[in-house]
């Protein structure tokens, strides 16, 4: 008869102090799990990173293509790849994701 190990204790909330003007805002967060600490996010190619930067600033595909000197068709495929790799659903969702990590 094998015994199961006891479940891990519940994680405690961690207080994070954020300066806001003359005051300080205290936000409570769950601590990161070891898995979350290891994952640095998706790996984007250098070209995808360049496209992602324009995408996060709200540029349209035609504007990104003109700035990078490639076709709109190429940009469309790169945007789809970026959204898939980052797990975001649309351009607005991606922009929020991108700015939260920069």
C-alpha atoms as a PDB file:
ATOM      1  CA  UNK A   1       0.000   0.000   0.000  1.00  0.00           C
ATOM      2  CA  UNK A   2       1.620   3.266  -1.116  1.00  0.00           C
ATOM      3  CA  UNK A   3       0.977   6.526   0.608  1.00  0.00           C
ATOM      4  CA  UNK A   4       0.400   9.721  -1.266  1.00  0.00           C
ATOM      5  CA  UNK A   5       2.426  12.737  -0.271  1.00  0.00           C
ATOM      6  CA  UNK A   6       0.430  15.528   1.343  1.00  0.00           C
ATOM      7  CA  UNK A   7      -0.691  18.378  -0.917  1.00  0.00           C
ATOM      8  CA  UNK A   8       1.536  21.464  -0.933  1.00  0.00           C
ATOM      9  CA  UNK A   9       0.475  24.290   1.355  1.00  0.00           C
ATOM     10  CA  UNK A  10      -1.580  27.008  -0.323  1.00  0.00           C
ATOM     11  CA  UNK A  11       0.453  29.877  -1.699  1.00  0.00           C
ATOM     12  CA  UNK A  12       0.296  33.126   0.219  1.00  0.00           C
ATOM     13  CA  UNK A  13      -0.376  36.438  -1.439  1.00  0.00           C
ATOM     14  CA  UNK A  14       2.603  38.731  -1.840  1.00  0.00           C
ATOM     15  CA  UNK A  15       2.304  42.482  -1.301  1.00  0.00           C
ATOM     16  CA  UNK A  16       3.854  44.578  -4.074  1.00  0.00           C
ATOM     17  CA  UNK A  17       4.311  48.296  -3.390  1.00  0.00           C
ATOM     18  CA  UNK A  18       3.989  50.606  -6.395  1.00  0.00           C
ATOM     19  CA  UNK A  19       4.775  54.331  -6.175  1.00  0.00           C
ATOM     20  CA  UNK A  20       1.920  56.479  -7.478  1.00  0.00           C
ATOM     21  CA  UNK A  21       2.677  60.183  -7.263  1.00  0.00           C
ATOM     22  CA  UNK A  22       3.187  61.116  -3.615  1.00  0.00           C
ATOM     23  CA  UNK A  23       1.531  57.953  -2.344  1.00  0.00           C
ATOM     24  CA  UNK A  24       2.163  54.260  -2.545  1.00  0.00           C
ATOM     25  CA  UNK A  25      -0.256  51.695  -3.960  1.00  0.00           C
ATOM     26  CA  UNK A  26      -0.149  48.216  -2.448  1.00  0.00           C
ATOM     27  CA  UNK A  27      -1.208  45.396  -4.762  1.00  0.00           C
ATOM     28  CA  UNK A  28      -1.500  41.792  -3.670  1.00  0.00           C
ATOM     29  CA  UNK A  29      -0.423  39.108  -6.143  1.00  0.00           C
ATOM     30  CA  UNK A  30       0.007  35.370  -6.111  1.00  0.00           C
ATOM     31  CA  UNK A  31       3.706  34.455  -6.202  1.00  0.00           C
ATOM     32  CA  UNK A  32       5.065  33.070  -9.443  1.00  0.00           C
ATOM     33  CA  UNK A  33       5.308  29.323  -9.731  1.00  0.00           C
ATOM     34  CA  UNK A  34       8.676  27.835 -10.750  1.00  0.00           C
ATOM     35  CA  UNK A  35       7.186  27.048 -14.174  1.00  0.00           C
ATOM     36  CA  UNK A  36       6.186  30.687 -14.701  1.00  0.00           C
ATOM     37  CA  UNK A  37       9.668  31.896 -13.754  1.00  0.00           C
ATOM     38  CA  UNK A  38      11.342  29.612 -16.293  1.00  0.00           C
ATOM     39  CA  UNK A  39       9.199  30.561 -19.277  1.00  0.00           C
ATOM     40  CA  UNK A  40      10.420  33.789 -20.801  1.00  0.00           C
ATOM     41  CA  UNK A  41       7.612  33.898 -23.305  1.00  0.00           C
ATOM     42  CA  UNK A  42       7.514  32.903 -26.937  1.00  0.00           C
ATOM     43  CA  UNK A  43      10.569  33.140 -29.138  1.00  0.00           C
ATOM     44  CA  UNK A  44       9.973  35.517 -32.012  1.00  0.00           C
ATOM     45  CA  UNK A  45      12.358  35.784 -34.937  1.00  0.00           C
ATOM     46  CA  UNK A  46      14.127  39.137 -35.433  1.00  0.00           C
ATOM     47  CA  UNK A  47      11.711  39.980 -38.285  1.00  0.00           C
ATOM     48  CA  UNK A  48       8.687  38.994 -36.188  1.00  0.00           C
ATOM     49  CA  UNK A  49      10.010  41.179 -33.372  1.00  0.00           C
ATOM     50  CA  UNK A  50      10.250  44.143 -35.757  1.00  0.00           C
ATOM     51  CA  UNK A  51       6.704  43.492 -37.003  1.00  0.00           C
ATOM     52  CA  UNK A  52       5.488  43.039 -33.415  1.00  0.00           C
ATOM     53  CA  UNK A  53       6.889  46.432 -32.432  1.00  0.00           C
ATOM     54  CA  UNK A  54       4.933  48.153 -35.219  1.00  0.00           C
ATOM     55  CA  UNK A  55       1.877  46.017 -34.477  1.00  0.00           C
ATOM     56  CA  UNK A  56       1.906  47.026 -30.804  1.00  0.00           C
ATOM     57  CA  UNK A  57       2.024  50.701 -31.829  1.00  0.00           C
ATOM     58  CA  UNK A  58      -1.188  50.292 -33.821  1.00  0.00           C
ATOM     59  CA  UNK A  59       0.241  50.283 -37.343  1.00  0.00           C
ATOM     60  CA  UNK A  60      -1.832  48.677 -40.107  1.00  0.00           C
ATOM     61  CA  UNK A  61      -0.406  45.901 -42.291  1.00  0.00           C
ATOM     62  CA  UNK A  62       0.143  48.271 -45.226  1.00  0.00           C
ATOM     63  CA  UNK A  63       2.070  50.716 -43.008  1.00  0.00           C
ATOM     64  CA  UNK A  64       4.220  47.934 -41.521  1.00  0.00           C
ATOM     65  CA  UNK A  65       4.962  46.568 -44.993  1.00  0.00           C
ATOM     66  CA  UNK A  66       6.001  50.010 -46.260  1.00  0.00           C
ATOM     67  CA  UNK A  67       8.291  50.583 -43.268  1.00  0.00           C
ATOM     68  CA  UNK A  68       9.970  47.175 -43.566  1.00  0.00           C
ATOM     69  CA  UNK A  69      10.059  46.997 -47.373  1.00  0.00           C
ATOM     70  CA  UNK A  70       8.101  43.759 -47.720  1.00  0.00           C
ATOM     71  CA  UNK A  71       4.710  42.830 -49.141  1.00  0.00           C
ATOM     72  CA  UNK A  72       1.432  43.125 -47.261  1.00  0.00           C
ATOM     73  CA  UNK A  73       0.956  39.388 -47.833  1.00  0.00           C
ATOM     74  CA  UNK A  74       4.191  38.690 -45.910  1.00  0.00           C
ATOM     75  CA  UNK A  75       3.115  40.950 -43.052  1.00  0.00           C
ATOM     76  CA  UNK A  76      -0.283  39.249 -42.879  1.00  0.00           C
ATOM     77  CA  UNK A  77       1.426  35.872 -42.412  1.00  0.00           C
ATOM     78  CA  UNK A  78       3.885  37.256 -39.853  1.00  0.00           C
ATOM     79  CA  UNK A  79       1.069  38.861 -37.834  1.00  0.00           C
ATOM     80  CA  UNK A  80      -0.793  35.532 -37.803  1.00  0.00           C
ATOM     81  CA  UNK A  81       2.385  33.775 -36.629  1.00  0.00           C
ATOM     82  CA  UNK A  82       2.960  36.364 -33.887  1.00  0.00           C
ATOM     83  CA  UNK A  83      -0.627  36.055 -32.620  1.00  0.00           C
ATOM     84  CA  UNK A  84      -0.352  32.258 -32.610  1.00  0.00           C
ATOM     85  CA  UNK A  85       3.004  32.217 -30.794  1.00  0.00           C
ATOM     86  CA  UNK A  86       1.901  34.706 -28.149  1.00  0.00           C
ATOM     87  CA  UNK A  87      -1.507  33.113 -27.628  1.00  0.00           C
ATOM     88  CA  UNK A  88      -3.305  36.389 -28.270  1.00  0.00           C
ATOM     89  CA  UNK A  89      -6.565  36.599 -30.203  1.00  0.00           C
ATOM     90  CA  UNK A  90      -6.386  39.943 -31.992  1.00  0.00           C
ATOM     91  CA  UNK A  91      -4.218  43.022 -32.476  1.00  0.00           C
ATOM     92  CA  UNK A  92      -5.580  44.819 -29.410  1.00  0.00           C
ATOM     93  CA  UNK A  93      -5.041  41.788 -27.199  1.00  0.00           C
ATOM     94  CA  UNK A  94      -1.506  41.479 -28.590  1.00  0.00           C
ATOM     95  CA  UNK A  95      -0.709  45.167 -27.953  1.00  0.00           C
ATOM     96  CA  UNK A  96      -1.725  44.795 -24.314  1.00  0.00           C
ATOM     97  CA  UNK A  97       0.387  41.633 -24.037  1.00  0.00           C
ATOM     98  CA  UNK A  98       3.400  43.308 -25.683  1.00  0.00           C
ATOM     99  CA  UNK A  99       3.319  46.450 -23.538  1.00  0.00           C
ATOM    100  CA  UNK A 100       2.923  44.406 -20.343  1.00  0.00           C
ATOM    101  CA  UNK A 101       6.203  42.649 -21.119  1.00  0.00           C
ATOM    102  CA  UNK A 102       8.277  45.626 -22.209  1.00  0.00           C
END
